[in-house]
PDB file of N, CA and C in Angstrom:
ATOM      1  N   MET A   1      -3.465   7.260 -18.990  1.00  0.00           N
ATOM      2  CA  MET A   1      -3.997   6.676 -17.921  1.00  0.00           C
ATOM      3  C   MET A   1      -4.682   7.521 -16.881  1.00  0.00           C
ATOM      4  N   GLU A   2      -6.050   7.115 -16.338  1.00  0.00           N
ATOM      5  CA  GLU A   2      -6.465   8.049 -15.533  1.00  0.00           C
ATOM      6  C   GLU A   2      -5.855   7.957 -14.227  1.00  0.00           C
ATOM      7  N   SER A   3      -6.115   9.139 -13.340  1.00  0.00           N
ATOM      8  CA  SER A   3      -5.525   9.033 -12.056  1.00  0.00           C
ATOM      9  C   SER A   3      -6.626   8.442 -11.135  1.00  0.00           C
ATOM     10  N   TYR A   4      -6.215   7.588 -10.213  1.00  0.00           N
ATOM     11  CA  TYR A   4      -6.958   7.005  -9.080  1.00  0.00           C
ATOM     12  C   TYR A   4      -7.062   7.763  -7.902  1.00  0.00           C
ATOM     13  N   SER A   5      -8.068   7.830  -7.152  1.00  0.00           N
ATOM     14  CA  SER A   5      -7.974   8.592  -5.787  1.00  0.00           C
ATOM     15  C   SER A   5      -7.403   7.444  -4.739  1.00  0.00           C
ATOM     16  N   LEU A   6      -6.883   8.087  -3.735  1.00  0.00           N
ATOM     17  CA  LEU A   6      -6.222   7.083  -2.733  1.00  0.00           C
ATOM     18  C   LEU A   6      -7.125   7.338  -1.598  1.00  0.00           C
ATOM     19  N   ARG A   7      -7.672   6.162  -0.935  1.00  0.00           N
ATOM     20  CA  ARG A   7      -8.134   6.047   0.497  1.00  0.00           C
ATOM     21  C   ARG A   7      -7.311   5.249   1.293  1.00  0.00           C
ATOM     22  N   ILE A   8      -7.194   5.897   2.563  1.00  0.00           N
ATOM     23  CA  ILE A   8      -6.386   5.098   3.341  1.00  0.00           C
ATOM     24  C   ILE A   8      -7.051   4.871   4.590  1.00  0.00           C
ATOM     25  N   LYS A   9      -7.074   3.546   5.034  1.00  0.00           N
ATOM     26  CA  LYS A   9      -7.940   3.212   6.152  1.00  0.00           C
ATOM     27  C   LYS A   9      -7.181   3.765   7.583  1.00  0.00           C
ATOM     28  N   ARG A  10      -7.968   3.877   8.310  1.00  0.00           N
ATOM     29  CA  ARG A  10      -7.508   4.726   9.697  1.00  0.00           C
ATOM     30  C   ARG A  10      -6.377   3.652  10.236  1.00  0.00           C
ATOM     31  N   SER A  11      -6.507   2.530  10.387  1.00  0.00           N
ATOM     32  CA  SER A  11      -5.448   1.642  10.752  1.00  0.00           C
ATOM     33  C   SER A  11      -4.141   1.666   9.949  1.00  0.00           C
ATOM     34  N   ALA A  12      -4.157   1.924   8.719  1.00  0.00           N
ATOM     35  CA  ALA A  12      -3.127   1.885   7.875  1.00  0.00           C
ATOM     36  C   ALA A  12      -2.340   3.386   8.124  1.00  0.00           C
ATOM     37  N   ALA A  13      -3.140   4.359   8.329  1.00  0.00           N
ATOM     38  CA  ALA A  13      -2.545   5.848   8.535  1.00  0.00           C
ATOM     39  C   ALA A  13      -1.728   5.479  10.027  1.00  0.00           C
ATOM     40  N   LYS A  14      -2.395   4.840  10.833  1.00  0.00           N
ATOM     41  CA  LYS A  14      -1.483   4.928  12.255  1.00  0.00           C
ATOM     42  C   LYS A  14      -0.339   3.968  11.982  1.00  0.00           C
ATOM     43  N   GLU A  15      -0.312   2.903  11.272  1.00  0.00           N
ATOM     44  CA  GLU A  15       0.938   2.133  11.015  1.00  0.00           C
ATOM     45  C   GLU A  15       1.969   2.922  10.270  1.00  0.00           C
ATOM     46  N   ILE A  16       1.616   3.783   9.419  1.00  0.00           N
ATOM     47  CA  ILE A  16       2.477   4.520   8.647  1.00  0.00           C
ATOM     48  C   ILE A  16       3.220   5.642   9.787  1.00  0.00           C
ATOM     49  N   GLU A  17       2.263   6.296  10.688  1.00  0.00           N
ATOM     50  CA  GLU A  17       2.821   7.054  11.599  1.00  0.00           C
ATOM     51  C   GLU A  17       3.868   6.373  12.608  1.00  0.00           C
ATOM     52  N   GLY A  18       3.702   5.297  12.749  1.00  0.00           N
ATOM     53  CA  GLY A  18       4.647   4.321  13.573  1.00  0.00           C
ATOM     54  C   GLY A  18       5.903   4.208  13.051  1.00  0.00           C
ATOM     55  N   ILE A  19       6.057   4.351  11.784  1.00  0.00           N
ATOM     56  CA  ILE A  19       7.359   3.885  11.173  1.00  0.00           C
ATOM     57  C   ILE A  19       8.513   4.898  11.526  1.00  0.00           C
ATOM     58  N   GLU A  20       9.574   4.383  11.986  1.00  0.00           N
ATOM     59  CA  GLU A  20      10.934   5.041  12.182  1.00  0.00           C
ATOM     60  C   GLU A  20      11.879   4.452  11.696  1.00  0.00           C
ATOM     61  N   PRO A  21      12.897   5.162  11.007  1.00  0.00           N
ATOM     62  CA  PRO A  21      13.082   6.717  11.283  1.00  0.00           C
ATOM     63  C   PRO A  21      12.304   7.466  10.174  1.00  0.00           C
ATOM     64  N   ARG A  22      12.263   8.606  10.393  1.00  0.00           N
ATOM     65  CA  ARG A  22      11.430   9.552   9.672  1.00  0.00           C
ATOM     66  C   ARG A  22      11.751   9.271   7.974  1.00  0.00           C
ATOM     67  N   LYS A  23      12.975   9.075   7.746  1.00  0.00           N
ATOM     68  CA  LYS A  23      13.355   8.975   6.325  1.00  0.00           C
ATOM     69  C   LYS A  23      12.851   7.836   5.858  1.00  0.00           C
ATOM     70  N   VAL A  24      12.567   6.827   6.361  1.00  0.00           N
ATOM     71  CA  VAL A  24      11.908   5.384   5.924  1.00  0.00           C
ATOM     72  C   VAL A  24      10.348   5.868   5.638  1.00  0.00           C
ATOM     73  N   ARG A  25       9.756   6.637   6.804  1.00  0.00           N
ATOM     74  CA  ARG A  25       8.415   6.884   6.690  1.00  0.00           C
ATOM     75  C   ARG A  25       8.220   7.716   5.404  1.00  0.00           C
ATOM     76  N   ARG A  26       9.001   8.652   5.171  1.00  0.00           N
ATOM     77  CA  ARG A  26       8.736   9.413   3.938  1.00  0.00           C
ATOM     78  C   ARG A  26       8.862   8.628   2.560  1.00  0.00           C
ATOM     79  N   GLN A  27       9.856   7.721   2.786  1.00  0.00           N
ATOM     80  CA  GLN A  27       9.852   6.760   1.448  1.00  0.00           C
ATOM     81  C   GLN A  27       8.538   5.905   1.365  1.00  0.00           C
ATOM     82  N   VAL A  28       7.912   5.459   2.282  1.00  0.00           N
ATOM     83  CA  VAL A  28       6.755   4.767   2.304  1.00  0.00           C
ATOM     84  C   VAL A  28       5.842   5.568   1.778  1.00  0.00           C
ATOM     85  N   VAL A  29       5.633   6.794   2.425  1.00  0.00           N
ATOM     86  CA  VAL A  29       4.455   7.704   1.956  1.00  0.00           C
ATOM     87  C   VAL A  29       4.474   8.082   0.406  1.00  0.00           C
ATOM     88  N   GLU A  30       5.882   8.417   0.025  1.00  0.00           N
ATOM     89  CA  GLU A  30       6.099   8.573  -1.554  1.00  0.00           C
ATOM     90  C   GLU A  30       5.687   7.528  -2.259  1.00  0.00           C
ATOM     91  N   ARG A  31       5.975   6.271  -1.885  1.00  0.00           N
ATOM     92  CA  ARG A  31       5.499   5.049  -2.748  1.00  0.00           C
ATOM     93  C   ARG A  31       3.970   4.891  -2.551  1.00  0.00           C
ATOM     94  N   VAL A  32       3.464   5.419  -1.538  1.00  0.00           N
ATOM     95  CA  VAL A  32       1.752   5.191  -1.506  1.00  0.00           C
ATOM     96  C   VAL A  32       1.165   6.146  -2.379  1.00  0.00           C
ATOM     97  N   GLN A  33       1.732   7.560  -2.296  1.00  0.00           N
ATOM     98  CA  GLN A  33       1.347   8.542  -3.205  1.00  0.00           C
ATOM     99  C   GLN A  33       1.355   8.080  -4.717  1.00  0.00           C
ATOM    100  N   ALA A  34       2.418   7.366  -5.043  1.00  0.00           N
ATOM    101  CA  ALA A  34       2.589   6.935  -6.418  1.00  0.00           C
ATOM    102  C   ALA A  34       1.715   6.048  -6.888  1.00  0.00           C
ATOM    103  N   LEU A  35       0.875   5.275  -6.007  1.00  0.00           N
ATOM    104  CA  LEU A  35      -0.097   4.395  -6.381  1.00  0.00           C
ATOM    105  C   LEU A  35      -1.283   5.128  -7.031  1.00  0.00           C
ATOM    106  N   ALA A  36      -1.637   6.235  -6.590  1.00  0.00           N
ATOM    107  CA  ALA A  36      -2.605   7.198  -7.503  1.00  0.00           C
ATOM    108  C   ALA A  36      -2.371   7.158  -8.796  1.00  0.00           C
ATOM    109  N   SER A  37      -1.263   7.427  -9.299  1.00  0.00           N
ATOM    110  CA  SER A  37      -1.043   7.503 -10.862  1.00  0.00           C
ATOM    111  C   SER A  37      -1.057   6.254 -11.440  1.00  0.00           C
ATOM    112  N   ASN A  38      -0.232   5.112 -10.787  1.00  0.00           N
ATOM    113  CA  ASN A  38       0.077   3.839 -11.343  1.00  0.00           C
ATOM    114  C   ASN A  38      -0.260   2.797 -10.226  1.00  0.00           C
ATOM    115  N   PRO A  39      -1.627   2.283 -10.177  1.00  0.00           N
ATOM    116  CA  PRO A  39      -1.848   1.239  -8.991  1.00  0.00           C
ATOM    117  C   PRO A  39      -1.158  -0.164  -9.058  1.00  0.00           C
ATOM    118  N   ARG A  40      -0.591  -0.371 -10.369  1.00  0.00           N
ATOM    119  CA  ARG A  40       0.159  -1.617 -10.647  1.00  0.00           C
ATOM    120  C   ARG A  40       1.519  -1.405 -10.952  1.00  0.00           C
ATOM    121  N   PRO A  41       2.343  -0.834 -10.237  1.00  0.00           N
ATOM    122  CA  PRO A  41       3.645  -0.511 -10.765  1.00  0.00           C
ATOM    123  C   PRO A  41       4.578  -1.640 -11.002  1.00  0.00           C
ATOM    124  N   ARG A  42       5.732  -1.465 -11.498  1.00  0.00           N
ATOM    125  CA  ARG A  42       6.629  -2.660 -11.598  1.00  0.00           C
ATOM    126  C   ARG A  42       6.999  -3.045 -10.334  1.00  0.00           C
ATOM    127  N   GLY A  43       6.816  -4.594 -10.103  1.00  0.00           N
ATOM    128  CA  GLY A  43       7.238  -5.106  -9.021  1.00  0.00           C
ATOM    129  C   GLY A  43       6.022  -5.304  -7.873  1.00  0.00           C
ATOM    130  N   CYS A  44       4.985  -5.102  -8.223  1.00  0.00           N
ATOM    131  CA  CYS A  44       3.793  -5.211  -7.326  1.00  0.00           C
ATOM    132  C   CYS A  44       3.378  -6.717  -7.705  1.00  0.00           C
ATOM    133  N   GLU A  45       2.899  -7.215  -6.544  1.00  0.00           N
ATOM    134  CA  GLU A  45       2.438  -8.511  -6.749  1.00  0.00           C
ATOM    135  C   GLU A  45       0.957  -8.941  -6.237  1.00  0.00           C
ATOM    136  N   LYS A  46       0.188  -9.451  -6.806  1.00  0.00           N
ATOM    137  CA  LYS A  46      -1.229  -9.750  -6.561  1.00  0.00           C
ATOM    138  C   LYS A  46      -1.293 -10.908  -5.382  1.00  0.00           C
ATOM    139  N   LEU A  47      -1.996 -10.709  -4.240  1.00  0.00           N
ATOM    140  CA  LEU A  47      -1.892 -11.452  -3.305  1.00  0.00           C
ATOM    141  C   LEU A  47      -2.988 -12.460  -3.440  1.00  0.00           C
ATOM    142  N   ALA A  48      -2.584 -13.813  -3.325  1.00  0.00           N
ATOM    143  CA  ALA A  48      -3.482 -14.902  -3.541  1.00  0.00           C
ATOM    144  C   ALA A  48      -4.438 -15.071  -2.449  1.00  0.00           C
ATOM    145  N   GLY A  49      -5.784 -15.360  -2.942  1.00  0.00           N
ATOM    146  CA  GLY A  49      -7.026 -15.685  -2.213  1.00  0.00           C
ATOM    147  C   GLY A  49      -7.526 -14.379  -1.330  1.00  0.00           C
ATOM    148  N   VAL A  50      -7.256 -13.102  -1.841  1.00  0.00           N
ATOM    149  CA  VAL A  50      -7.913 -11.995  -1.182  1.00  0.00           C
ATOM    150  C   VAL A  50      -8.156 -10.990  -2.180  1.00  0.00           C
ATOM    151  N   GLY A  51      -8.989 -11.622  -3.205  1.00  0.00           N
ATOM    152  CA  GLY A  51      -9.615 -10.489  -4.148  1.00  0.00           C
ATOM    153  C   GLY A  51      -8.440  -9.794  -4.811  1.00  0.00           C
ATOM    154  N   GLU A  52      -8.832  -8.528  -4.942  1.00  0.00           N
ATOM    155  CA  GLU A  52      -7.951  -7.545  -5.807  1.00  0.00           C
ATOM    156  C   GLU A  52      -7.017  -6.772  -4.799  1.00  0.00           C
ATOM    157  N   ARG A  53      -6.200  -7.705  -3.964  1.00  0.00           N
ATOM    158  CA  ARG A  53      -5.111  -6.977  -3.174  1.00  0.00           C
ATOM    159  C   ARG A  53      -3.911  -7.139  -3.933  1.00  0.00           C
ATOM    160  N   TYR A  54      -3.127  -6.192  -3.547  1.00  0.00           N
ATOM    161  CA  TYR A  54      -1.701  -6.070  -4.222  1.00  0.00           C
ATOM    162  C   TYR A  54      -0.770  -5.843  -3.087  1.00  0.00           C
ATOM    163  N   ARG A  55       0.466  -6.030  -3.336  1.00  0.00           N
ATOM    164  CA  ARG A  55       1.545  -5.574  -2.277  1.00  0.00           C
ATOM    165  C   ARG A  55       2.692  -4.975  -3.093  1.00  0.00           C
ATOM    166  N   VAL A  56       3.316  -3.827  -2.619  1.00  0.00           N
ATOM    167  CA  VAL A  56       4.433  -3.415  -3.032  1.00  0.00           C
ATOM    168  C   VAL A  56       5.669  -3.416  -1.988  1.00  0.00           C
ATOM    169  N   ARG A  57       6.824  -3.418  -2.295  1.00  0.00           N
ATOM    170  CA  ARG A  57       7.690  -3.295  -1.388  1.00  0.00           C
ATOM    171  C   ARG A  57       8.396  -2.103  -1.225  1.00  0.00           C
ATOM    172  N   GLN A  58       8.987  -1.702  -0.055  1.00  0.00           N
ATOM    173  CA  GLN A  58       9.581  -0.513   0.049  1.00  0.00           C
ATOM    174  C   GLN A  58      10.500  -0.872   1.133  1.00  0.00           C
ATOM    175  N   GLY A  59      11.842  -1.220   0.784  1.00  0.00           N
ATOM    176  CA  GLY A  59      12.862  -1.615   1.678  1.00  0.00           C
ATOM    177  C   GLY A  59      12.193  -3.057   2.391  1.00  0.00           C
ATOM    178  N   SER A  60      12.370  -2.932   3.785  1.00  0.00           N
ATOM    179  CA  SER A  60      11.854  -3.933   4.503  1.00  0.00           C
ATOM    180  C   SER A  60      10.251  -4.043   4.839  1.00  0.00           C
ATOM    181  N   TRP A  61       9.662  -2.740   4.315  1.00  0.00           N
ATOM    182  CA  TRP A  61       8.254  -2.532   4.442  1.00  0.00           C
ATOM    183  C   TRP A  61       7.435  -2.934   3.384  1.00  0.00           C
ATOM    184  N   ARG A  62       6.183  -3.490   3.752  1.00  0.00           N
ATOM    185  CA  ARG A  62       5.347  -3.971   2.675  1.00  0.00           C
ATOM    186  C   ARG A  62       4.112  -2.989   2.726  1.00  0.00           C
ATOM    187  N   ILE A  63       3.540  -2.540   1.676  1.00  0.00           N
ATOM    188  CA  ILE A  63       2.365  -1.926   1.552  1.00  0.00           C
ATOM    189  C   ILE A  63       1.258  -2.582   0.865  1.00  0.00           C
ATOM    190  N   VAL A  64       0.231  -3.029   1.568  1.00  0.00           N
ATOM    191  CA  VAL A  64      -0.784  -3.896   1.045  1.00  0.00           C
ATOM    192  C   VAL A  64      -2.137  -3.093   0.490  1.00  0.00           C
ATOM    193  N   TYR A  65      -2.655  -2.964  -0.529  1.00  0.00           N
ATOM    194  CA  TYR A  65      -3.596  -2.003  -0.936  1.00  0.00           C
ATOM    195  C   TYR A  65      -4.711  -3.110  -2.016  1.00  0.00           C
ATOM    196  N   GLU A  66      -5.741  -2.427  -2.109  1.00  0.00           N
ATOM    197  CA  GLU A  66      -6.785  -3.003  -3.000  1.00  0.00           C
ATOM    198  C   GLU A  66      -7.016  -1.820  -4.043  1.00  0.00           C
ATOM    199  N   VAL A  67      -7.262  -2.527  -5.122  1.00  0.00           N
ATOM    200  CA  VAL A  67      -7.729  -1.714  -6.277  1.00  0.00           C
ATOM    201  C   VAL A  67      -8.936  -1.774  -6.860  1.00  0.00           C
ATOM    202  N   ARG A  68      -9.771  -0.890  -6.908  1.00  0.00           N
ATOM    203  CA  ARG A  68     -11.061  -0.870  -7.333  1.00  0.00           C
ATOM    204  C   ARG A  68     -11.026  -0.241  -8.769  1.00  0.00           C
ATOM    205  N   ASP A  69     -10.982  -0.858  -9.776  1.00  0.00           N
ATOM    206  CA  ASP A  69     -10.895  -0.316 -11.234  1.00  0.00           C
ATOM    207  C   ASP A  69     -12.238   0.530 -11.551  1.00  0.00           C
ATOM    208  N   ASP A  70     -13.341  -0.078 -11.361  1.00  0.00           N
ATOM    209  CA  ASP A  70     -14.547   0.472 -11.417  1.00  0.00           C
ATOM    210  C   ASP A  70     -14.819   1.894 -10.827  1.00  0.00           C
ATOM    211  N   GLU A  71     -14.443   2.030  -9.806  1.00  0.00           N
ATOM    212  CA  GLU A  71     -14.345   3.387  -9.040  1.00  0.00           C
ATOM    213  C   GLU A  71     -13.254   4.235  -9.310  1.00  0.00           C
ATOM    214  N   LEU A  72     -12.022   3.684  -9.719  1.00  0.00           N
ATOM    215  CA  LEU A  72     -10.815   4.531  -9.857  1.00  0.00           C
ATOM    216  C   LEU A  72     -10.401   4.732  -8.529  1.00  0.00           C
ATOM    217  N   VAL A  73     -10.353   3.753  -7.792  1.00  0.00           N
ATOM    218  CA  VAL A  73      -9.835   3.969  -6.237  1.00  0.00           C
ATOM    219  C   VAL A  73      -8.846   2.995  -5.731  1.00  0.00           C
ATOM    220  N   VAL A  74      -7.961   3.503  -5.066  1.00  0.00           N
ATOM    221  CA  VAL A  74      -6.880   2.461  -4.400  1.00  0.00           C
ATOM    222  C   VAL A  74      -7.117   2.699  -3.029  1.00  0.00           C
ATOM    223  N   VAL A  75      -7.350   1.455  -2.352  1.00  0.00           N
ATOM    224  CA  VAL A  75      -7.561   1.631  -0.899  1.00  0.00           C
ATOM    225  C   VAL A  75      -6.415   0.902  -0.218  1.00  0.00           C
ATOM    226  N   LEU A  76      -5.680   1.838   0.716  1.00  0.00           N
ATOM    227  CA  LEU A  76      -4.450   1.447   1.426  1.00  0.00           C
ATOM    228  C   LEU A  76      -5.002   0.619   2.576  1.00  0.00           C
ATOM    229  N   VAL A  77      -4.621  -0.566   2.465  1.00  0.00           N
ATOM    230  CA  VAL A  77      -5.222  -1.507   3.674  1.00  0.00           C
ATOM    231  C   VAL A  77      -4.285  -1.799   4.831  1.00  0.00           C
ATOM    232  N   LYS A  78      -2.865  -2.050   4.576  1.00  0.00           N
ATOM    233  CA  LYS A  78      -2.058  -2.398   5.322  1.00  0.00           C
ATOM    234  C   LYS A  78      -0.712  -1.858   5.273  1.00  0.00           C
ATOM    235  N   VAL A  79       0.048  -1.580   6.310  1.00  0.00           N
ATOM    236  CA  VAL A  79       1.549  -1.122   6.107  1.00  0.00           C
ATOM    237  C   VAL A  79       2.246  -1.787   7.183  1.00  0.00           C
ATOM    238  N   GLY A  80       3.325  -2.684   6.823  1.00  0.00           N
ATOM    239  CA  GLY A  80       3.809  -3.280   7.929  1.00  0.00           C
ATOM    240  C   GLY A  80       5.371  -3.661   7.645  1.00  0.00           C
ATOM    241  N   HIS A  81       6.152  -4.176   8.564  1.00  0.00           N
ATOM    242  CA  HIS A  81       7.336  -4.848   8.426  1.00  0.00           C
ATOM    243  C   HIS A  81       7.052  -6.120   7.649  1.00  0.00           C
ATOM    244  N   ARG A  82       7.988  -6.608   6.882  1.00  0.00           N
ATOM    245  CA  ARG A  82       7.647  -7.683   6.083  1.00  0.00           C
ATOM    246  C   ARG A  82       7.508  -8.952   6.976  1.00  0.00           C
ATOM    247  N   ARG A  83       8.067  -9.015   8.139  1.00  0.00           N
ATOM    248  CA  ARG A  83       7.715 -10.138   8.997  1.00  0.00           C
ATOM    249  C   ARG A  83       6.283 -10.285   9.730  1.00  0.00           C
ATOM    250  N   ASP A  84       5.699  -9.208   9.654  1.00  0.00           N
ATOM    251  CA  ASP A  84       4.295  -9.099  10.569  1.00  0.00           C
ATOM    252  C   ASP A  84       3.263  -8.671   9.487  1.00  0.00           C
ATOM    253  N   VAL A  85       3.532  -8.163   8.307  1.00  0.00           N
ATOM    254  CA  VAL A  85       2.349  -7.614   7.677  1.00  0.00           C
ATOM    255  C   VAL A  85       1.168  -8.445   7.179  1.00  0.00           C
ATOM    256  N   TYR A  86       1.525  -9.695   6.861  1.00  0.00           N
ATOM    257  CA  TYR A  86       0.659 -10.725   6.418  1.00  0.00           C
ATOM    258  C   TYR A  86      -0.171 -11.384   7.419  1.00  0.00           C
ATOM    259  N   LYS A  87       0.052 -11.137   8.621  1.00  0.00           N
ATOM    260  CA  LYS A  87      -0.608 -11.784   9.651  1.00  0.00           C
ATOM    261  C   LYS A  87      -2.124 -11.077   9.757  1.00  0.00           C
ATOM    262  N   GLY A  88      -2.853 -11.867   9.541  1.00  0.00           N
ATOM    263  CA  GLY A  88      -4.405 -11.403   9.850  1.00  0.00           C
ATOM    264  C   GLY A  88      -4.975 -10.723   8.713  1.00  0.00           C
ATOM    265  N   LEU A  89      -4.329 -11.204   7.482  1.00  0.00           N
ATOM    266  CA  LEU A  89      -4.916 -10.640   6.297  1.00  0.00           C
ATOM    267  C   LEU A  89      -5.921 -11.724   5.855  1.00  0.00           C
TER     268      LEU A  89
END
């Protein structure tokens, strides 16, 4: 399987920076980095009605991303707590 490049929207980067405690932030970052080698890992779910967007869980946090297979790119769209992350998608 070819490796995908990872693009992170500025807003998603800010959301990651705001995650506390540091241990949880590190786990989220590791999960995001793993998407470059496998953009559709076990447990990911395709979001209905929003194109090629998927989400993966990391504890109480959700990572929403878009897969562009033709370009071999994963675009990180949003990272947030499960109660808030889907608002405004």
